[in-house]
């Protein structure tokens, strides 16, 4: 939660300083400059928000998130094999595991927002 708040709040100072920096270096106003300011401010505020979120998360939450990412990557890798041969029985198991993982991810997200 703090990461989201930090990311949103920090966007505006990052955009202002980026705009001022480009002013000082003589970049002419226009679409390219606005796009560059938007991208720089978005990347910096997202990075700051991620860092704050990482610092304020409990070790149990980080460990559960890492395990879920590993399971997702394994399922994605095995899904690529199923594209070539969908009748393979292993693909049926992968589909069931993917469905179960999806419910687990959605349940975790919904449970995290309530508490």
N, C-alpha and C. Protein backbone atom coordinates (compact mmCIF):
# COMPACT_ATOMS: atom_id res chain seq x y z
N UNK A 1 0.81 -1.19 0.00
CA UNK A 1 0.00 0.00 0.00
C UNK A 1 0.86 1.26 0.00
N UNK A 2 1.93 1.25 0.84
CA UNK A 2 2.80 2.42 0.91
C UNK A 2 3.55 2.63 -0.40
N UNK A 3 3.86 1.54 -1.08
CA UNK A 3 4.54 1.65 -2.36
C UNK A 3 3.67 2.36 -3.39
N UNK A 4 2.39 2.04 -3.40
CA UNK A 4 1.45 2.69 -4.32
C UNK A 4 1.33 4.18 -4.02
N UNK A 5 1.17 4.51 -2.76
CA UNK A 5 1.05 5.91 -2.36
C UNK A 5 2.34 6.67 -2.71
N UNK A 6 3.48 6.08 -2.40
CA UNK A 6 4.76 6.72 -2.69
C UNK A 6 4.94 6.93 -4.19
N UNK A 7 4.57 5.93 -4.99
CA UNK A 7 4.71 6.04 -6.43
C UNK A 7 3.84 7.15 -7.01
N UNK A 8 2.62 7.26 -6.54
CA UNK A 8 1.71 8.29 -7.04
C UNK A 8 2.17 9.67 -6.62
N UNK A 9 2.53 9.82 -5.36
CA UNK A 9 2.94 11.13 -4.86
C UNK A 9 4.26 11.58 -5.49
N UNK A 10 5.18 10.65 -5.70
CA UNK A 10 6.50 11.02 -6.22
C UNK A 10 6.48 11.31 -7.72
N UNK A 11 5.43 10.92 -8.43
CA UNK A 11 5.37 11.16 -9.87
C UNK A 11 5.48 12.66 -10.19
N UNK A 12 4.76 13.47 -9.45
CA UNK A 12 4.69 14.90 -9.76
C UNK A 12 6.02 15.62 -9.55
N UNK A 13 6.74 15.40 -8.44
CA UNK A 13 8.07 16.02 -8.32
C UNK A 13 9.04 15.52 -9.40
N UNK A 14 8.99 14.22 -9.70
CA UNK A 14 9.87 13.70 -10.75
C UNK A 14 9.56 14.36 -12.10
N UNK A 15 8.28 14.53 -12.40
CA UNK A 15 7.90 15.17 -13.67
C UNK A 15 8.35 16.63 -13.68
N UNK A 16 8.19 17.32 -12.57
CA UNK A 16 8.57 18.73 -12.50
C UNK A 16 10.08 18.90 -12.68
N UNK A 17 10.87 18.07 -11.97
CA UNK A 17 12.32 18.16 -12.08
C UNK A 17 12.80 17.74 -13.47
N UNK A 18 12.16 16.76 -14.07
CA UNK A 18 12.52 16.36 -15.43
C UNK A 18 12.25 17.49 -16.40
N UNK A 19 11.12 18.13 -16.23
CA UNK A 19 10.77 19.27 -17.09
C UNK A 19 11.79 20.39 -16.93
N UNK A 20 12.16 20.70 -15.70
CA UNK A 20 13.14 21.74 -15.45
C UNK A 20 14.52 21.37 -16.02
N UNK A 21 14.88 20.12 -15.89
CA UNK A 21 16.18 19.65 -16.41
C UNK A 21 16.23 19.83 -17.93
N UNK A 22 15.15 19.47 -18.61
CA UNK A 22 15.12 19.62 -20.07
C UNK A 22 15.08 21.10 -20.46
N UNK A 23 14.45 21.94 -19.64
CA UNK A 23 14.49 23.39 -19.87
C UNK A 23 15.92 23.89 -19.83
N UNK A 24 16.65 23.48 -18.80
CA UNK A 24 18.03 23.94 -18.63
C UNK A 24 18.95 23.49 -19.76
N UNK A 25 18.65 22.35 -20.37
CA UNK A 25 19.48 21.83 -21.45
C UNK A 25 18.98 22.22 -22.83
N UNK A 26 17.96 23.04 -22.88
CA UNK A 26 17.53 23.63 -24.14
C UNK A 26 16.71 22.74 -25.05
N UNK A 27 16.05 21.72 -24.53
CA UNK A 27 15.19 20.90 -25.39
C UNK A 27 13.91 21.68 -25.68
N UNK A 28 13.57 21.83 -26.95
CA UNK A 28 12.39 22.64 -27.29
C UNK A 28 11.09 21.96 -26.85
N UNK A 29 10.09 22.76 -26.48
CA UNK A 29 8.80 22.18 -26.09
C UNK A 29 8.16 21.45 -27.27
N UNK A 30 7.40 20.44 -26.96
CA UNK A 30 6.71 19.69 -27.99
C UNK A 30 6.31 18.32 -27.47
N UNK A 31 5.81 17.51 -28.39
CA UNK A 31 5.33 16.18 -28.02
C UNK A 31 6.46 15.29 -27.51
N UNK A 32 7.60 15.34 -28.17
CA UNK A 32 8.74 14.49 -27.76
C UNK A 32 9.17 14.80 -26.34
N UNK A 33 9.20 16.05 -26.01
CA UNK A 33 9.61 16.45 -24.67
C UNK A 33 8.59 16.00 -23.63
N UNK A 34 7.31 16.18 -23.93
CA UNK A 34 6.26 15.74 -23.00
C UNK A 34 6.31 14.23 -22.81
N UNK A 35 6.53 13.51 -23.89
CA UNK A 35 6.63 12.05 -23.79
C UNK A 35 7.83 11.64 -22.97
N UNK A 36 8.96 12.30 -23.17
CA UNK A 36 10.17 12.00 -22.40
C UNK A 36 9.96 12.28 -20.91
N UNK A 37 9.35 13.40 -20.59
CA UNK A 37 9.07 13.73 -19.18
C UNK A 37 8.15 12.68 -18.57
N UNK A 38 7.12 12.28 -19.31
CA UNK A 38 6.18 11.27 -18.82
C UNK A 38 6.90 9.95 -18.55
N UNK A 39 7.73 9.52 -19.50
CA UNK A 39 8.43 8.23 -19.34
C UNK A 39 9.40 8.28 -18.17
N UNK A 40 10.19 9.34 -18.09
CA UNK A 40 11.17 9.45 -17.00
C UNK A 40 10.47 9.48 -15.65
N UNK A 41 9.44 10.30 -15.52
CA UNK A 41 8.72 10.39 -14.25
C UNK A 41 8.03 9.07 -13.90
N UNK A 42 7.48 8.39 -14.90
CA UNK A 42 6.81 7.11 -14.64
C UNK A 42 7.81 6.05 -14.18
N UNK A 43 8.94 5.98 -14.84
CA UNK A 43 9.95 4.97 -14.47
C UNK A 43 10.50 5.25 -13.07
N UNK A 44 10.84 6.49 -12.80
CA UNK A 44 11.40 6.82 -11.49
C UNK A 44 10.39 6.61 -10.36
N UNK A 45 9.14 7.04 -10.56
CA UNK A 45 8.15 6.87 -9.50
C UNK A 45 7.78 5.40 -9.32
N UNK A 46 7.75 4.63 -10.41
CA UNK A 46 7.48 3.19 -10.28
C UNK A 46 8.61 2.49 -9.53
N UNK A 47 9.84 2.86 -9.85
CA UNK A 47 10.99 2.28 -9.15
C UNK A 47 10.99 2.61 -7.67
N UNK A 48 10.68 3.86 -7.34
CA UNK A 48 10.61 4.24 -5.94
C UNK A 48 9.47 3.52 -5.22
N UNK A 49 8.32 3.43 -5.88
CA UNK A 49 7.19 2.71 -5.29
C UNK A 49 7.51 1.24 -5.07
N UNK A 50 8.20 0.62 -6.04
CA UNK A 50 8.59 -0.78 -5.89
C UNK A 50 9.55 -0.94 -4.71
N UNK A 51 10.50 -0.03 -4.59
CA UNK A 51 11.46 -0.11 -3.49
C UNK A 51 10.79 0.03 -2.14
N UNK A 52 9.88 0.97 -2.03
CA UNK A 52 9.16 1.16 -0.76
C UNK A 52 8.30 -0.05 -0.46
N UNK A 53 7.64 -0.58 -1.48
CA UNK A 53 6.80 -1.76 -1.28
C UNK A 53 7.65 -2.95 -0.83
N UNK A 54 8.81 -3.07 -1.41
CA UNK A 54 9.72 -4.17 -1.06
C UNK A 54 10.20 -4.02 0.39
N UNK A 55 10.49 -2.80 0.80
CA UNK A 55 10.96 -2.56 2.17
C UNK A 55 9.88 -2.77 3.21
N UNK A 56 8.64 -2.45 2.87
CA UNK A 56 7.56 -2.52 3.86
C UNK A 56 6.82 -3.85 3.87
N UNK A 57 7.16 -4.76 2.94
CA UNK A 57 6.49 -6.07 2.90
C UNK A 57 7.12 -7.01 3.92
N UNK A 58 6.29 -7.89 4.44
CA UNK A 58 6.79 -8.88 5.40
C UNK A 58 7.56 -9.96 4.65
N UNK A 59 8.49 -10.62 5.32
CA UNK A 59 9.25 -11.70 4.67
C UNK A 59 8.35 -12.84 4.19
N UNK A 60 7.27 -13.12 4.92
CA UNK A 60 6.37 -14.18 4.50
C UNK A 60 5.68 -13.82 3.19
N UNK A 61 5.29 -12.57 3.05
CA UNK A 61 4.63 -12.12 1.83
C UNK A 61 5.60 -12.19 0.65
N UNK A 62 6.84 -11.77 0.86
CA UNK A 62 7.84 -11.82 -0.21
C UNK A 62 8.13 -13.25 -0.63
N UNK A 63 8.19 -14.16 0.35
CA UNK A 63 8.45 -15.56 0.04
C UNK A 63 7.28 -16.17 -0.73
N UNK A 64 6.06 -15.87 -0.33
CA UNK A 64 4.89 -16.38 -1.05
C UNK A 64 4.83 -15.83 -2.46
N UNK A 65 5.18 -14.57 -2.61
CA UNK A 65 5.18 -13.95 -3.95
C UNK A 65 6.23 -14.61 -4.84
N UNK A 66 7.40 -14.89 -4.31
CA UNK A 66 8.46 -15.54 -5.08
C UNK A 66 8.04 -16.94 -5.50
N UNK A 67 7.42 -17.69 -4.61
CA UNK A 67 6.95 -19.03 -4.95
C UNK A 67 5.89 -18.99 -6.04
N UNK A 68 4.98 -18.03 -5.96
CA UNK A 68 3.93 -17.90 -6.97
C UNK A 68 4.53 -17.53 -8.33
N UNK A 69 5.56 -16.69 -8.34
CA UNK A 69 6.22 -16.33 -9.59
C UNK A 69 6.91 -17.54 -10.20
N UNK A 70 7.55 -18.36 -9.38
CA UNK A 70 8.20 -19.57 -9.89
C UNK A 70 7.18 -20.53 -10.50
N UNK A 71 6.06 -20.73 -9.82
CA UNK A 71 5.01 -21.61 -10.34
C UNK A 71 4.47 -21.08 -11.67
N UNK A 72 4.29 -19.77 -11.74
CA UNK A 72 3.78 -19.17 -12.97
C UNK A 72 4.75 -19.37 -14.12
N UNK A 73 6.04 -19.18 -13.87
CA UNK A 73 7.04 -19.36 -14.93
C UNK A 73 7.11 -20.82 -15.38
N UNK A 74 6.98 -21.75 -14.46
CA UNK A 74 6.98 -23.16 -14.83
C UNK A 74 5.77 -23.49 -15.70
N UNK A 75 4.61 -22.96 -15.32
CA UNK A 75 3.41 -23.21 -16.12
C UNK A 75 3.50 -22.57 -17.49
N UNK A 76 4.08 -21.39 -17.57
CA UNK A 76 4.24 -20.74 -18.88
C UNK A 76 5.17 -21.56 -19.77
N UNK A 77 6.25 -22.08 -19.20
CA UNK A 77 7.18 -22.90 -19.98
C UNK A 77 6.53 -24.17 -20.48
N UNK A 78 5.75 -24.82 -19.64
CA UNK A 78 5.10 -26.06 -20.07
C UNK A 78 3.95 -25.77 -21.03
N UNK A 79 3.36 -24.59 -20.95
CA UNK A 79 2.28 -24.22 -21.86
C UNK A 79 2.80 -24.06 -23.28
N UNK A 80 4.02 -23.59 -23.42
CA UNK A 80 4.61 -23.46 -24.75
C UNK A 80 4.72 -24.81 -25.44
N UNK A 81 5.00 -25.86 -24.68
CA UNK A 81 5.06 -27.20 -25.27
C UNK A 81 3.67 -27.68 -25.68
N UNK A 82 2.66 -27.24 -24.98
CA UNK A 82 1.30 -27.68 -25.28
C UNK A 82 0.73 -27.01 -26.53
N UNK A 83 1.32 -25.92 -26.95
CA UNK A 83 0.86 -25.27 -28.16
C UNK A 83 1.10 -26.18 -29.36
N UNK A 84 2.22 -26.90 -29.35
CA UNK A 84 2.55 -27.81 -30.45
C UNK A 84 1.77 -29.11 -30.39
N UNK A 85 1.49 -29.60 -29.20
CA UNK A 85 0.79 -30.88 -29.05
C UNK A 85 -0.26 -30.78 -27.95
N UNK A 86 -1.46 -30.22 -28.25
CA UNK A 86 -2.47 -30.01 -27.21
C UNK A 86 -3.12 -31.30 -26.70
N UNK A 87 -2.97 -32.41 -27.42
CA UNK A 87 -3.61 -33.65 -26.98
C UNK A 87 -2.79 -34.40 -25.94
N UNK A 88 -1.63 -33.91 -25.60
CA UNK A 88 -0.76 -34.53 -24.63
C UNK A 88 -1.44 -34.51 -23.25
N UNK A 89 -1.44 -35.65 -22.52
CA UNK A 89 -2.09 -35.68 -21.20
C UNK A 89 -1.45 -34.71 -20.20
N UNK A 90 -0.18 -34.45 -20.37
CA UNK A 90 0.50 -33.51 -19.49
C UNK A 90 -0.11 -32.11 -19.63
N UNK A 91 -0.58 -31.80 -20.84
CA UNK A 91 -1.21 -30.49 -21.07
C UNK A 91 -2.51 -30.35 -20.29
N UNK A 92 -3.25 -31.43 -20.15
CA UNK A 92 -4.48 -31.39 -19.37
C UNK A 92 -4.17 -31.10 -17.90
N UNK A 93 -3.10 -31.72 -17.39
CA UNK A 93 -2.69 -31.46 -16.01
C UNK A 93 -2.23 -30.02 -15.84
N UNK A 94 -1.51 -29.52 -16.85
CA UNK A 94 -1.04 -28.13 -16.78
C UNK A 94 -2.21 -27.16 -16.78
N UNK A 95 -3.24 -27.45 -17.54
CA UNK A 95 -4.41 -26.58 -17.58
C UNK A 95 -5.10 -26.54 -16.21
N UNK A 96 -5.20 -27.70 -15.58
CA UNK A 96 -5.80 -27.76 -14.25
C UNK A 96 -4.94 -27.01 -13.23
N UNK A 97 -3.63 -27.18 -13.32
CA UNK A 97 -2.73 -26.48 -12.40
C UNK A 97 -2.79 -24.97 -12.62
N UNK A 98 -2.89 -24.55 -13.88
CA UNK A 98 -2.98 -23.12 -14.19
C UNK A 98 -4.28 -22.55 -13.64
N UNK A 99 -5.36 -23.29 -13.76
CA UNK A 99 -6.65 -22.84 -13.24
C UNK A 99 -6.59 -22.70 -11.72
N UNK A 100 -5.96 -23.68 -11.06
CA UNK A 100 -5.83 -23.64 -9.61
C UNK A 100 -4.95 -22.46 -9.17
N UNK A 101 -3.86 -22.22 -9.91
CA UNK A 101 -2.97 -21.11 -9.58
C UNK A 101 -3.67 -19.77 -9.77
N UNK A 102 -4.50 -19.68 -10.80
CA UNK A 102 -5.25 -18.45 -11.03
C UNK A 102 -6.19 -18.15 -9.86
N UNK A 103 -6.87 -19.17 -9.38
CA UNK A 103 -7.77 -18.97 -8.23
C UNK A 103 -6.98 -18.59 -6.98
N UNK A 104 -5.79 -19.19 -6.84
CA UNK A 104 -4.96 -18.86 -5.68
C UNK A 104 -4.49 -17.41 -5.77
N UNK A 105 -4.09 -16.97 -6.96
CA UNK A 105 -3.62 -15.60 -7.13
C UNK A 105 -4.75 -14.60 -6.88
N UNK A 106 -5.91 -14.87 -7.43
CA UNK A 106 -7.05 -13.97 -7.24
C UNK A 106 -7.51 -13.97 -5.79
N UNK A 107 -7.48 -15.10 -5.15
CA UNK A 107 -7.87 -15.18 -3.75
C UNK A 107 -6.89 -14.42 -2.87
N UNK A 108 -5.60 -14.49 -3.20
CA UNK A 108 -4.60 -13.76 -2.44
C UNK A 108 -4.78 -12.28 -2.61
N UNK A 109 -5.03 -11.83 -3.83
CA UNK A 109 -5.22 -10.41 -4.11
C UNK A 109 -6.47 -9.88 -3.39
N UNK A 110 -7.56 -10.62 -3.48
CA UNK A 110 -8.79 -10.16 -2.86
C UNK A 110 -8.66 -10.17 -1.34
N UNK A 111 -8.00 -11.22 -0.80
CA UNK A 111 -7.81 -11.29 0.64
C UNK A 111 -6.90 -10.19 1.14
N UNK A 112 -5.87 -9.83 0.33
CA UNK A 112 -4.95 -8.77 0.73
C UNK A 112 -5.60 -7.41 0.75
N UNK A 113 -6.58 -7.17 -0.11
CA UNK A 113 -7.23 -5.88 -0.16
C UNK A 113 -8.21 -5.70 1.00
N UNK A 114 -8.79 -6.77 1.45
CA UNK A 114 -9.76 -6.66 2.54
C UNK A 114 -9.09 -6.37 3.87
N UNK A 115 -7.91 -6.97 4.10
CA UNK A 115 -7.29 -6.87 5.42
C UNK A 115 -6.34 -5.81 5.57
